[in-house]
Amino acid sequence: MKYTLKIKKNKVFKYIFKKGIYSKGDFVVVHICKTKYFDEEISNNFFAVCVSKKNGNSVKRNRLKRLAREVYTQEETRLKRGYNIVIIYKKETLADNVSFFDIKEDIKKCFEDLDLYE
């Protein structure tokens, strides 16, 4: 991910959920909010993927995370910069029941709803 850093702190997650906006898809919910300190010259997005334990064992959860990260990597160059982005999988989403293309279309639809494309 060329223009992206990972979100690691719990207080950043809480800030995004409290102050941000979100869009729901069939499989995911995408939360976004502007970064507090945005500089045009050092423009990065902050990104994270959350998967509940109810989505399956660790192998299946990690596969879902990899799918979301790959979609984000493919769309990264077309996205606006200076945002915190969190993708949360719904609890009924299982790795066995969804394909990469289903996830990709769902995340792209959420990004369009949130007006993240330049």
PDB file of N, CA and C in Angstrom:
ATOM      1  N   MET A   1       0.840  -1.165   0.000  1.00  0.00           N
ATOM      2  CA  MET A   1       0.000   0.000   0.000  1.00  0.00           C
ATOM      3  C   MET A   1       0.888   1.231   0.000  1.00  0.00           C
ATOM      4  N   LYS A   2       0.833   1.931  -1.099  1.00  0.00           N
ATOM      5  CA  LYS A   2       1.773   3.004  -1.355  1.00  0.00           C
ATOM      6  C   LYS A   2       1.492   4.275  -0.547  1.00  0.00           C
ATOM      7  N   TYR A   3       0.240   4.654  -0.447  1.00  0.00           N
ATOM      8  CA  TYR A   3      -0.119   5.909   0.222  1.00  0.00           C
ATOM      9  C   TYR A   3      -0.881   5.669   1.516  1.00  0.00           C
ATOM     10  N   THR A   4      -0.620   4.561   2.177  1.00  0.00           N
ATOM     11  CA  THR A   4      -1.460   4.179   3.301  1.00  0.00           C
ATOM     12  C   THR A   4      -0.629   3.724   4.489  1.00  0.00           C
ATOM     13  N   LEU A   5      -1.094   4.091   5.681  1.00  0.00           N
ATOM     14  CA  LEU A   5      -0.522   3.622   6.926  1.00  0.00           C
ATOM     15  C   LEU A   5      -1.596   2.850   7.681  1.00  0.00           C
ATOM     16  N   LYS A   6      -1.197   1.983   8.612  1.00  0.00           N
ATOM     17  CA  LYS A   6      -2.143   1.177   9.364  1.00  0.00           C
ATOM     18  C   LYS A   6      -2.642   1.936  10.585  1.00  0.00           C
ATOM     19  N   ILE A   7      -3.883   1.686  10.934  1.00  0.00           N
ATOM     20  CA  ILE A   7      -4.445   2.207  12.184  1.00  0.00           C
ATOM     21  C   ILE A   7      -4.183   1.155  13.249  1.00  0.00           C
ATOM     22  N   LYS A   8      -3.572   1.560  14.349  1.00  0.00           N
ATOM     23  CA  LYS A   8      -3.220   0.604  15.394  1.00  0.00           C
ATOM     24  C   LYS A   8      -3.810   0.950  16.755  1.00  0.00           C
ATOM     25  N   LYS A   9      -4.056   2.214  17.004  1.00  0.00           N
ATOM     26  CA  LYS A   9      -4.486   2.652  18.329  1.00  0.00           C
ATOM     27  C   LYS A   9      -5.995   2.551  18.493  1.00  0.00           C
ATOM     28  N   ASN A  10      -6.422   2.079  19.647  1.00  0.00           N
ATOM     29  CA  ASN A  10      -7.843   1.936  19.940  1.00  0.00           C
ATOM     30  C   ASN A  10      -8.551   3.285  19.960  1.00  0.00           C
ATOM     31  N   LYS A  11      -7.876   4.332  20.421  1.00  0.00           N
ATOM     32  CA  LYS A  11      -8.511   5.641  20.480  1.00  0.00           C
ATOM     33  C   LYS A  11      -8.789   6.194  19.085  1.00  0.00           C
ATOM     34  N   VAL A  12      -7.993   5.799  18.098  1.00  0.00           N
ATOM     35  CA  VAL A  12      -8.252   6.223  16.726  1.00  0.00           C
ATOM     36  C   VAL A  12      -9.500   5.530  16.188  1.00  0.00           C
ATOM     37  N   PHE A  13      -9.658   4.241  16.491  1.00  0.00           N
ATOM     38  CA  PHE A  13     -10.868   3.525  16.094  1.00  0.00           C
ATOM     39  C   PHE A  13     -12.099   4.182  16.717  1.00  0.00           C
ATOM     40  N   LYS A  14     -12.034   4.484  18.001  1.00  0.00           N
ATOM     41  CA  LYS A  14     -13.163   5.117  18.680  1.00  0.00           C
ATOM     42  C   LYS A  14     -13.496   6.469  18.064  1.00  0.00           C
ATOM     43  N   TYR A  15     -12.472   7.237  17.705  1.00  0.00           N
ATOM     44  CA  TYR A  15     -12.670   8.538  17.079  1.00  0.00           C
ATOM     45  C   TYR A  15     -13.385   8.388  15.735  1.00  0.00           C
ATOM     46  N   ILE A  16     -12.975   7.401  14.946  1.00  0.00           N
ATOM     47  CA  ILE A  16     -13.589   7.188  13.631  1.00  0.00           C
ATOM     48  C   ILE A  16     -15.050   6.798  13.781  1.00  0.00           C
ATOM     49  N   PHE A  17     -15.342   5.901  14.714  1.00  0.00           N
ATOM     50  CA  PHE A  17     -16.721   5.457  14.896  1.00  0.00           C
ATOM     51  C   PHE A  17     -17.610   6.575  15.442  1.00  0.00           C
ATOM     52  N   LYS A  18     -17.030   7.473  16.253  1.00  0.00           N
ATOM     53  CA  LYS A  18     -17.811   8.541  16.853  1.00  0.00           C
ATOM     54  C   LYS A  18     -18.017   9.713  15.892  1.00  0.00           C
ATOM     55  N   LYS A  19     -16.974  10.150  15.217  1.00  0.00           N
ATOM     56  CA  LYS A  19     -17.022  11.360  14.409  1.00  0.00           C
ATOM     57  C   LYS A  19     -17.255  11.111  12.927  1.00  0.00           C
ATOM     58  N   GLY A  20     -17.064   9.879  12.470  1.00  0.00           N
ATOM     59  CA  GLY A  20     -17.085   9.614  11.042  1.00  0.00           C
ATOM     60  C   GLY A  20     -18.456   9.272  10.497  1.00  0.00           C
ATOM     61  N   ILE A  21     -18.475   8.981   9.197  1.00  0.00           N
ATOM     62  CA  ILE A  21     -19.678   8.531   8.515  1.00  0.00           C
ATOM     63  C   ILE A  21     -19.426   7.129   8.002  1.00  0.00           C
ATOM     64  N   TYR A  22     -20.500   6.429   7.630  1.00  0.00           N
ATOM     65  CA  TYR A  22     -20.329   5.053   7.183  1.00  0.00           C
ATOM     66  C   TYR A  22     -21.307   4.719   6.074  1.00  0.00           C
ATOM     67  N   SER A  23     -20.995   3.620   5.383  1.00  0.00           N
ATOM     68  CA  SER A  23     -21.859   3.091   4.346  1.00  0.00           C
ATOM     69  C   SER A  23     -21.919   1.585   4.502  1.00  0.00           C
ATOM     70  N   LYS A  24     -23.122   1.030   4.360  1.00  0.00           N
ATOM     71  CA  LYS A  24     -23.310  -0.408   4.514  1.00  0.00           C
ATOM     72  C   LYS A  24     -23.452  -1.063   3.152  1.00  0.00           C
ATOM     73  N   GLY A  25     -22.792  -2.214   3.020  1.00  0.00           N
ATOM     74  CA  GLY A  25     -22.966  -3.039   1.843  1.00  0.00           C
ATOM     75  C   GLY A  25     -23.580  -4.364   2.238  1.00  0.00           C
ATOM     76  N   ASP A  26     -23.554  -5.323   1.338  1.00  0.00           N
ATOM     77  CA  ASP A  26     -24.092  -6.647   1.643  1.00  0.00           C
ATOM     78  C   ASP A  26     -23.196  -7.414   2.610  1.00  0.00           C
ATOM     79  N   PHE A  27     -21.884  -7.225   2.495  1.00  0.00           N
ATOM     80  CA  PHE A  27     -20.936  -8.005   3.286  1.00  0.00           C
ATOM     81  C   PHE A  27     -20.128  -7.169   4.270  1.00  0.00           C
ATOM     82  N   VAL A  28     -19.977  -5.870   3.991  1.00  0.00           N
ATOM     83  CA  VAL A  28     -19.099  -5.028   4.813  1.00  0.00           C
ATOM     84  C   VAL A  28     -19.781  -3.721   5.191  1.00  0.00           C
ATOM     85  N   VAL A  29     -19.208  -3.066   6.200  1.00  0.00           N
ATOM     86  CA  VAL A  29     -19.557  -1.692   6.574  1.00  0.00           C
ATOM     87  C   VAL A  29     -18.249  -0.908   6.527  1.00  0.00           C
ATOM     88  N   VAL A  30     -18.250   0.218   5.811  1.00  0.00           N
ATOM     89  CA  VAL A  30     -17.048   1.035   5.674  1.00  0.00           C
ATOM     90  C   VAL A  30     -17.257   2.335   6.444  1.00  0.00           C
ATOM     91  N   HIS A  31     -16.389   2.594   7.414  1.00  0.00           N
ATOM     92  CA  HIS A  31     -16.413   3.829   8.203  1.00  0.00           C
ATOM     93  C   HIS A  31     -15.265   4.707   7.729  1.00  0.00           C
ATOM     94  N   ILE A  32     -15.533   6.000   7.546  1.00  0.00           N
ATOM     95  CA  ILE A  32     -14.457   6.929   7.193  1.00  0.00           C
ATOM     96  C   ILE A  32     -14.592   8.208   8.013  1.00  0.00           C
ATOM     97  N   CYS A  33     -13.488   8.909   8.127  1.00  0.00           N
ATOM     98  CA  CYS A  33     -13.492  10.256   8.684  1.00  0.00           C
ATOM     99  C   CYS A  33     -12.185  10.922   8.271  1.00  0.00           C
ATOM    100  N   LYS A  34     -12.208  12.243   8.222  1.00  0.00           N
ATOM    101  CA  LYS A  34     -11.007  12.989   7.864  1.00  0.00           C
ATOM    102  C   LYS A  34      -9.951  12.824   8.949  1.00  0.00           C
ATOM    103  N   THR A  35      -8.688  12.808   8.552  1.00  0.00           N
ATOM    104  CA  THR A  35      -7.635  12.766   9.555  1.00  0.00           C
ATOM    105  C   THR A  35      -7.556  14.124  10.251  1.00  0.00           C
ATOM    106  N   LYS A  36      -7.121  14.114  11.491  1.00  0.00           N
ATOM    107  CA  LYS A  36      -7.048  15.362  12.261  1.00  0.00           C
ATOM    108  C   LYS A  36      -6.011  16.310  11.676  1.00  0.00           C
ATOM    109  N   TYR A  37      -4.853  15.777  11.352  1.00  0.00           N
ATOM    110  CA  TYR A  37      -3.754  16.607  10.877  1.00  0.00           C
ATOM    111  C   TYR A  37      -3.452  16.222   9.446  1.00  0.00           C
ATOM    112  N   PHE A  38      -4.037  16.952   8.504  1.00  0.00           N
ATOM    113  CA  PHE A  38      -3.872  16.636   7.088  1.00  0.00           C
ATOM    114  C   PHE A  38      -2.984  17.683   6.430  1.00  0.00           C
ATOM    115  N   ASP A  39      -1.950  17.224   5.754  1.00  0.00           N
ATOM    116  CA  ASP A  39      -1.046  18.094   5.025  1.00  0.00           C
ATOM    117  C   ASP A  39      -1.015  17.610   3.584  1.00  0.00           C
ATOM    118  N   GLU A  40      -1.196  18.515   2.623  1.00  0.00           N
ATOM    119  CA  GLU A  40      -1.242  18.129   1.214  1.00  0.00           C
ATOM    120  C   GLU A  40       0.065  17.488   0.751  1.00  0.00           C
ATOM    121  N   GLU A  41       1.193  17.924   1.305  1.00  0.00           N
ATOM    122  CA  GLU A  41       2.479  17.386   0.871  1.00  0.00           C
ATOM    123  C   GLU A  41       2.724  15.986   1.430  1.00  0.00           C
ATOM    124  N   ILE A  42       2.263  15.741   2.641  1.00  0.00           N
ATOM    125  CA  ILE A  42       2.421  14.422   3.256  1.00  0.00           C
ATOM    126  C   ILE A  42       1.032  13.807   3.348  1.00  0.00           C
ATOM    127  N   SER A  43       0.490  13.461   2.215  1.00  0.00           N
ATOM    128  CA  SER A  43      -0.893  12.989   2.211  1.00  0.00           C
ATOM    129  C   SER A  43      -0.936  11.468   2.232  1.00  0.00           C
ATOM    130  N   ASN A  44      -1.461  10.942   3.281  1.00  0.00           N
ATOM    131  CA  ASN A  44      -1.638   9.505   3.434  1.00  0.00           C
ATOM    132  C   ASN A  44      -3.038   9.223   3.925  1.00  0.00           C
ATOM    133  N   ASN A  45      -3.503   8.010   3.646  1.00  0.00           N
ATOM    134  CA  ASN A  45      -4.710   7.493   4.270  1.00  0.00           C
ATOM    135  C   ASN A  45      -4.283   6.563   5.390  1.00  0.00           C
ATOM    136  N   PHE A  46      -5.157   6.378   6.350  1.00  0.00           N
ATOM    137  CA  PHE A  46      -4.948   5.397   7.401  1.00  0.00           C
ATOM    138  C   PHE A  46      -6.022   4.340   7.224  1.00  0.00           C
ATOM    139  N   PHE A  47      -5.636   3.060   7.305  1.00  0.00           N
ATOM    140  CA  PHE A  47      -6.525   1.975   6.913  1.00  0.00           C
ATOM    141  C   PHE A  47      -6.472   0.831   7.914  1.00  0.00           C
ATOM    142  N   ALA A  48      -7.633   0.186   8.134  1.00  0.00           N
ATOM    143  CA  ALA A  48      -7.698  -1.002   8.986  1.00  0.00           C
ATOM    144  C   ALA A  48      -8.862  -1.874   8.548  1.00  0.00           C
ATOM    145  N   VAL A  49      -8.758  -3.168   8.833  1.00  0.00           N
ATOM    146  CA  VAL A  49      -9.824  -4.139   8.562  1.00  0.00           C
ATOM    147  C   VAL A  49     -10.140  -4.847   9.870  1.00  0.00           C
ATOM    148  N   CYS A  50     -11.435  -4.961  10.194  1.00  0.00           N
ATOM    149  CA  CYS A  50     -11.871  -5.638  11.411  1.00  0.00           C
ATOM    150  C   CYS A  50     -12.751  -6.822  11.033  1.00  0.00           C
ATOM    151  N   VAL A  51     -12.456  -7.969  11.646  1.00  0.00           N
ATOM    152  CA  VAL A  51     -13.253  -9.171  11.424  1.00  0.00           C
ATOM    153  C   VAL A  51     -13.554  -9.785  12.779  1.00  0.00           C
ATOM    154  N   SER A  52     -14.816 -10.098  13.016  1.00  0.00           N
ATOM    155  CA  SER A  52     -15.240 -10.670  14.294  1.00  0.00           C
ATOM    156  C   SER A  52     -14.875 -12.152  14.370  1.00  0.00           C
ATOM    157  N   LYS A  53     -14.753 -12.660  15.585  1.00  0.00           N
ATOM    158  CA  LYS A  53     -14.498 -14.087  15.769  1.00  0.00           C
ATOM    159  C   LYS A  53     -15.663 -14.941  15.302  1.00  0.00           C
ATOM    160  N   LYS A  54     -16.826 -14.327  15.163  1.00  0.00           N
ATOM    161  CA  LYS A  54     -17.997 -15.062  14.703  1.00  0.00           C
ATOM    162  C   LYS A  54     -17.950 -15.348  13.206  1.00  0.00           C
ATOM    163  N   ASN A  55     -16.974 -14.782  12.506  1.00  0.00           N
ATOM    164  CA  ASN A  55     -16.827 -15.020  11.073  1.00  0.00           C
ATOM    165  C   ASN A  55     -16.065 -16.308  10.767  1.00  0.00           C
ATOM    166  N   GLY A  56     -15.655 -17.054  11.759  1.00  0.00           N
ATOM    167  CA  GLY A  56     -14.955 -18.308  11.516  1.00  0.00           C
ATOM    168  C   GLY A  56     -13.650 -18.375  12.276  1.00  0.00           C
ATOM    169  N   ASN A  57     -12.894 -19.425  11.981  1.00  0.00           N
ATOM    170  CA  ASN A  57     -11.614 -19.582  12.668  1.00  0.00           C
ATOM    171  C   ASN A  57     -10.578 -18.607  12.108  1.00  0.00           C
ATOM    172  N   SER A  58      -9.373 -18.643  12.630  1.00  0.00           N
ATOM    173  CA  SER A  58      -8.368 -17.642  12.276  1.00  0.00           C
ATOM    174  C   SER A  58      -7.980 -17.688  10.801  1.00  0.00           C
ATOM    175  N   VAL A  59      -7.988 -18.860  10.212  1.00  0.00           N
ATOM    176  CA  VAL A  59      -7.635 -18.981   8.797  1.00  0.00           C
ATOM    177  C   VAL A  59      -8.660 -18.240   7.937  1.00  0.00           C
ATOM    178  N   LYS A  60      -9.924 -18.424   8.247  1.00  0.00           N
ATOM    179  CA  LYS A  60     -10.990 -17.785   7.479  1.00  0.00           C
ATOM    180  C   LYS A  60     -11.024 -16.282   7.717  1.00  0.00           C
ATOM    181  N   ARG A  61     -10.788 -15.859   8.957  1.00  0.00           N
ATOM    182  CA  ARG A  61     -10.754 -14.422   9.245  1.00  0.00           C
ATOM    183  C   ARG A  61      -9.601 -13.745   8.517  1.00  0.00           C
ATOM    184  N   ASN A  62      -8.451 -14.384   8.511  1.00  0.00           N
ATOM    185  CA  ASN A  62      -7.297 -13.806   7.819  1.00  0.00           C
ATOM    186  C   ASN A  62      -7.515 -13.756   6.313  1.00  0.00           C
ATOM    187  N   ARG A  63      -8.238 -14.721   5.768  1.00  0.00           N
ATOM    188  CA  ARG A  63      -8.545 -14.689   4.341  1.00  0.00           C
ATOM    189  C   ARG A  63      -9.440 -13.496   4.026  1.00  0.00           C
ATOM    190  N   LEU A  64     -10.425 -13.242   4.857  1.00  0.00           N
ATOM    191  CA  LEU A  64     -11.285 -12.079   4.659  1.00  0.00           C
ATOM    192  C   LEU A  64     -10.491 -10.782   4.738  1.00  0.00           C
ATOM    193  N   LYS A  65      -9.557 -10.713   5.675  1.00  0.00           N
ATOM    194  CA  LYS A  65      -8.710  -9.518   5.783  1.00  0.00           C
ATOM    195  C   LYS A  65      -7.855  -9.339   4.538  1.00  0.00           C
ATOM    196  N   ARG A  66      -7.291 -10.434   4.040  1.00  0.00           N
ATOM    197  CA  ARG A  66      -6.470 -10.348   2.826  1.00  0.00           C
ATOM    198  C   ARG A  66      -7.286  -9.884   1.628  1.00  0.00           C
ATOM    199  N   LEU A  67      -8.524 -10.361   1.526  1.00  0.00           N
ATOM    200  CA  LEU A  67      -9.387  -9.942   0.425  1.00  0.00           C
ATOM    201  C   LEU A  67      -9.643  -8.432   0.481  1.00  0.00           C
ATOM    202  N   ALA A  68      -9.964  -7.934   1.659  1.00  0.00           N
ATOM    203  CA  ALA A  68     -10.242  -6.498   1.808  1.00  0.00           C
ATOM    204  C   ALA A  68      -8.997  -5.661   1.530  1.00  0.00           C
ATOM    205  N   ARG A  69      -7.848  -6.117   2.021  1.00  0.00           N
ATOM    206  CA  ARG A  69      -6.607  -5.370   1.767  1.00  0.00           C
ATOM    207  C   ARG A  69      -6.265  -5.347   0.281  1.00  0.00           C
ATOM    208  N   GLU A  70      -6.520  -6.441  -0.417  1.00  0.00           N
ATOM    209  CA  GLU A  70      -6.228  -6.494  -1.848  1.00  0.00           C
ATOM    210  C   GLU A  70      -7.142  -5.555  -2.627  1.00  0.00           C
ATOM    211  N   VAL A  71      -8.411  -5.515  -2.273  1.00  0.00           N
ATOM    212  CA  VAL A  71      -9.334  -4.578  -2.923  1.00  0.00           C
ATOM    213  C   VAL A  71      -8.872  -3.150  -2.682  1.00  0.00           C
ATOM    214  N   TYR A  72      -8.504  -2.850  -1.448  1.00  0.00           N
ATOM    215  CA  TYR A  72      -8.042  -1.499  -1.132  1.00  0.00           C
ATOM    216  C   TYR A  72      -6.779  -1.160  -1.919  1.00  0.00           C
ATOM    217  N   THR A  73      -5.866  -2.092  -2.029  1.00  0.00           N
ATOM    218  CA  THR A  73      -4.626  -1.857  -2.769  1.00  0.00           C
ATOM    219  C   THR A  73      -4.911  -1.555  -4.235  1.00  0.00           C
ATOM    220  N   GLN A  74      -5.862  -2.260  -4.823  1.00  0.00           N
ATOM    221  CA  GLN A  74      -6.209  -2.019  -6.224  1.00  0.00           C
ATOM    222  C   GLN A  74      -6.885  -0.665  -6.417  1.00  0.00           C
ATOM    223  N   GLU A  75      -7.643  -0.208  -5.451  1.00  0.00           N
ATOM    224  CA  GLU A  75      -8.384   1.048  -5.571  1.00  0.00           C
ATOM    225  C   GLU A  75      -7.640   2.251  -4.997  1.00  0.00           C
ATOM    226  N   GLU A  76      -6.510   2.012  -4.362  1.00  0.00           N
ATOM    227  CA  GLU A  76      -5.820   3.048  -3.590  1.00  0.00           C
ATOM    228  C   GLU A  76      -5.444   4.278  -4.407  1.00  0.00           C
ATOM    229  N   THR A  77      -4.997   4.098  -5.625  1.00  0.00           N
ATOM    230  CA  THR A  77      -4.537   5.242  -6.415  1.00  0.00           C
ATOM    231  C   THR A  77      -5.681   6.146  -6.850  1.00  0.00           C
ATOM    232  N   ARG A  78      -6.902   5.632  -6.858  1.00  0.00           N
ATOM    233  CA  ARG A  78      -8.057   6.432  -7.277  1.00  0.00           C
ATOM    234  C   ARG A  78      -8.775   7.099  -6.111  1.00  0.00           C
ATOM    235  N   LEU A  79      -8.382   6.802  -4.879  1.00  0.00           N
ATOM    236  CA  LEU A  79      -9.059   7.345  -3.705  1.00  0.00           C
ATOM    237  C   LEU A  79      -8.492   8.702  -3.314  1.00  0.00           C
ATOM    238  N   LYS A  80      -9.349   9.515  -2.683  1.00  0.00           N
ATOM    239  CA  LYS A  80      -8.884  10.775  -2.107  1.00  0.00           C
ATOM    240  C   LYS A  80      -7.965  10.466  -0.938  1.00  0.00           C
ATOM    241  N   ARG A  81      -7.105  11.415  -0.606  1.00  0.00           N
ATOM    242  CA  ARG A  81      -6.164  11.206   0.486  1.00  0.00           C
ATOM    243  C   ARG A  81      -6.558  12.049   1.690  1.00  0.00           C
ATOM    244  N   GLY A  82      -6.054  11.627   2.848  1.00  0.00           N
ATOM    245  CA  GLY A  82      -6.316  12.361   4.074  1.00  0.00           C
ATOM    246  C   GLY A  82      -7.488  11.809   4.864  1.00  0.00           C
ATOM    247  N   TYR A  83      -7.784  10.526   4.688  1.00  0.00           N
ATOM    248  CA  TYR A  83      -8.908   9.911   5.371  1.00  0.00           C
ATOM    249  C   TYR A  83      -8.464   8.737   6.235  1.00  0.00           C
ATOM    250  N   ASN A  84      -9.230   8.500   7.292  1.00  0.00           N
ATOM    251  CA  ASN A  84      -9.137   7.270   8.070  1.00  0.00           C
ATOM    252  C   ASN A  84     -10.219   6.347   7.534  1.00  0.00           C
ATOM    253  N   ILE A  85      -9.859   5.120   7.165  1.00  0.00           N
ATOM    254  CA  ILE A  85     -10.809   4.179   6.571  1.00  0.00           C
ATOM    255  C   ILE A  85     -10.761   2.877   7.359  1.00  0.00           C
ATOM    256  N   VAL A  86     -11.932   2.423   7.819  1.00  0.00           N
ATOM    257  CA  VAL A  86     -12.046   1.150   8.528  1.00  0.00           C
ATOM    258  C   VAL A  86     -13.101   0.304   7.827  1.00  0.00           C
ATOM    259  N   ILE A  87     -12.717  -0.901   7.438  1.00  0.00           N
ATOM    260  CA  ILE A  87     -13.649  -1.852   6.834  1.00  0.00           C
ATOM    261  C   ILE A  87     -13.973  -2.907   7.876  1.00  0.00           C
ATOM    262  N   ILE A  88     -15.276  -3.072   8.159  1.00  0.00           N
ATOM    263  CA  ILE A  88     -15.723  -4.055   9.135  1.00  0.00           C
ATOM    264  C   ILE A  88     -16.609  -5.064   8.420  1.00  0.00           C
ATOM    265  N   TYR A  89     -16.283  -6.333   8.571  1.00  0.00           N
ATOM    266  CA  TYR A  89     -17.110  -7.380   7.984  1.00  0.00           C
ATOM    267  C   TYR A  89     -18.332  -7.618   8.858  1.00  0.00           C
ATOM    268  N   LYS A  90     -19.460  -7.861   8.206  1.00  0.00           N
ATOM    269  CA  LYS A  90     -20.662  -8.228   8.949  1.00  0.00           C
ATOM    270  C   LYS A  90     -20.506  -9.638   9.499  1.00  0.00           C
ATOM    271  N   LYS A  91     -21.208  -9.941  10.576  1.00  0.00           N
ATOM    272  CA  LYS A  91     -21.030 -11.227  11.255  1.00  0.00           C
ATOM    273  C   LYS A  91     -21.495 -12.407  10.425  1.00  0.00           C
ATOM    274  N   GLU A  92     -22.456 -12.185   9.522  1.00  0.00           N
ATOM    275  CA  GLU A  92     -22.941 -13.306   8.719  1.00  0.00           C
ATOM    276  C   GLU A  92     -22.081 -13.588   7.488  1.00  0.00           C
ATOM    277  N   THR A  93     -21.041 -12.778   7.261  1.00  0.00           N
ATOM    278  CA  THR A  93     -20.147 -12.988   6.129  1.00  0.00           C
ATOM    279  C   THR A  93     -19.141 -14.081   6.468  1.00  0.00           C
ATOM    280  N   LEU A  94     -19.140 -15.140   5.683  1.00  0.00           N
ATOM    281  CA  LEU A  94     -18.196 -16.241   5.874  1.00  0.00           C
ATOM    282  C   LEU A  94     -17.291 -16.342   4.660  1.00  0.00           C
ATOM    283  N   ALA A  95     -16.039 -16.718   4.885  1.00  0.00           N
ATOM    284  CA  ALA A  95     -15.062 -16.792   3.804  1.00  0.00           C
ATOM    285  C   ALA A  95     -15.453 -17.839   2.764  1.00  0.00           C
ATOM    286  N   ASP A  96     -16.175 -18.875   3.185  1.00  0.00           N
ATOM    287  CA  ASP A  96     -16.570 -19.929   2.252  1.00  0.00           C
ATOM    288  C   ASP A  96     -17.668 -19.473   1.300  1.00  0.00           C
ATOM    289  N   ASN A  97     -18.480 -18.513   1.719  1.00  0.00           N
ATOM    290  CA  ASN A  97     -19.660 -18.132   0.947  1.00  0.00           C
ATOM    291  C   ASN A  97     -19.449 -16.954   0.013  1.00  0.00           C
ATOM    292  N   VAL A  98     -18.336 -16.249   0.114  1.00  0.00           N
ATOM    293  CA  VAL A  98     -18.124 -15.067  -0.711  1.00  0.00           C
ATOM    294  C   VAL A  98     -16.877 -15.227  -1.566  1.00  0.00           C
ATOM    295  N   SER A  99     -16.912 -14.586  -2.717  1.00  0.00           N
ATOM    296  CA  SER A  99     -15.742 -14.601  -3.590  1.00  0.00           C
ATOM    297  C   SER A  99     -15.073 -13.223  -3.536  1.00  0.00           C
ATOM    298  N   PHE A 100     -13.909 -13.149  -4.118  1.00  0.00           N
ATOM    299  CA  PHE A 100     -13.168 -11.892  -4.163  1.00  0.00           C
ATOM    300  C   PHE A 100     -13.968 -10.823  -4.899  1.00  0.00           C
ATOM    301  N   PHE A 101     -14.645 -11.207  -5.977  1.00  0.00           N
ATOM    302  CA  PHE A 101     -15.364 -10.237  -6.790  1.00  0.00           C
ATOM    303  C   PHE A 101     -16.601  -9.690  -6.065  1.00  0.00           C
ATOM    304  N   ASP A 102     -17.238 -10.523  -5.229  1.00  0.00           N
ATOM    305  CA  ASP A 102     -18.354 -10.033  -4.421  1.00  0.00           C
ATOM    306  C   ASP A 102     -17.882  -8.966  -3.441  1.00  0.00           C
ATOM    307  N   ILE A 103     -16.774  -9.258  -2.770  1.00  0.00           N
ATOM    308  CA  ILE A 103     -16.210  -8.300  -1.810  1.00  0.00           C
ATOM    309  C   ILE A 103     -15.768  -7.027  -2.520  1.00  0.00           C
ATOM    310  N   LYS A 104     -15.144  -7.185  -3.677  1.00  0.00           N
ATOM    311  CA  LYS A 104     -14.648  -6.027  -4.418  1.00  0.00           C
ATOM    312  C   LYS A 104     -15.791  -5.102  -4.827  1.00  0.00           C
ATOM    313  N   GLU A 105     -16.852  -5.653  -5.368  1.00  0.00           N
ATOM    314  CA  GLU A 105     -17.990  -4.835  -5.779  1.00  0.00           C
ATOM    315  C   GLU A 105     -18.645  -4.152  -4.580  1.00  0.00           C
ATOM    316  N   ASP A 106     -18.730  -4.864  -3.474  1.00  0.00           N
ATOM    317  CA  ASP A 106     -19.349  -4.319  -2.271  1.00  0.00           C
ATOM    318  C   ASP A 106     -18.537  -3.146  -1.715  1.00  0.00           C
ATOM    319  N   ILE A 107     -17.227  -3.312  -1.628  1.00  0.00           N
ATOM    320  CA  ILE A 107     -16.372  -2.244  -1.101  1.00  0.00           C
ATOM    321  C   ILE A 107     -16.351  -1.049  -2.050  1.00  0.00           C
ATOM    322  N   LYS A 108     -16.298  -1.307  -3.357  1.00  0.00           N
ATOM    323  CA  LYS A 108     -16.311  -0.206  -4.327  1.00  0.00           C
ATOM    324  C   LYS A 108     -17.615   0.586  -4.244  1.00  0.00           C
ATOM    325  N   LYS A 109     -18.734  -0.111  -4.038  1.00  0.00           N
ATOM    326  CA  LYS A 109     -20.025   0.563  -3.912  1.00  0.00           C
ATOM    327  C   LYS A 109     -20.036   1.449  -2.668  1.00  0.00           C
ATOM    328  N   CYS A 110     -19.476   0.934  -1.573  1.00  0.00           N
ATOM    329  CA  CYS A 110     -19.401   1.741  -0.342  1.00  0.00           C
ATOM    330  C   CYS A 110     -18.504   2.959  -0.529  1.00  0.00           C
ATOM    331  N   PHE A 111     -17.369   2.790  -1.206  1.00  0.00           N
ATOM    332  CA  PHE A 111     -16.487   3.928  -1.471  1.00  0.00           C
ATOM    333  C   PHE A 111     -17.196   4.985  -2.319  1.00  0.00           C
ATOM    334  N   GLU A 112     -17.971   4.545  -3.299  1.00  0.00           N
ATOM    335  CA  GLU A 112     -18.714   5.496  -4.126  1.00  0.00           C
ATOM    336  C   GLU A 112     -19.779   6.224  -3.312  1.00  0.00           C
ATOM    337  N   ASP A 113     -20.475   5.509  -2.442  1.00  0.00           N
ATOM    338  CA  ASP A 113     -21.487   6.130  -1.589  1.00  0.00           C
ATOM    339  C   ASP A 113     -20.871   7.190  -0.673  1.00  0.00           C
ATOM    340  N   LEU A 114     -19.659   6.932  -0.217  1.00  0.00           N
ATOM    341  CA  LEU A 114     -18.978   7.865   0.689  1.00  0.00           C
ATOM    342  C   LEU A 114     -18.216   8.950  -0.049  1.00  0.00           C
ATOM    343  N   ASP A 115     -18.268   8.939  -1.380  1.00  0.00           N
ATOM    344  CA  ASP A 115     -17.600   9.941  -2.217  1.00  0.00           C
ATOM    345  C   ASP A 115     -16.095   9.974  -1.959  1.00  0.00           C
ATOM    346  N   LEU A 116     -15.474   8.795  -1.953  1.00  0.00           N
ATOM    347  CA  LEU A 116     -14.031   8.714  -1.728  1.00  0.00           C
ATOM    348  C   LEU A 116     -13.225   8.759  -3.021  1.00  0.00           C
ATOM    349  N   TYR A 117     -13.864   8.585  -4.152  1.00  0.00           N
ATOM    350  CA  TYR A 117     -13.124   8.600  -5.410  1.00  0.00           C
ATOM    351  C   TYR A 117     -12.874  10.018  -5.877  1.00  0.00           C
ATOM    352  N   GLU A 118     -11.696  10.236  -6.477  1.00  0.00           N
ATOM    353  CA  GLU A 118     -11.359  11.571  -6.988  1.00  0.00           C
ATOM    354  C   GLU A 118     -12.058  11.816  -8.305  1.00  0.00           C
TER     355      GLU A 118
END
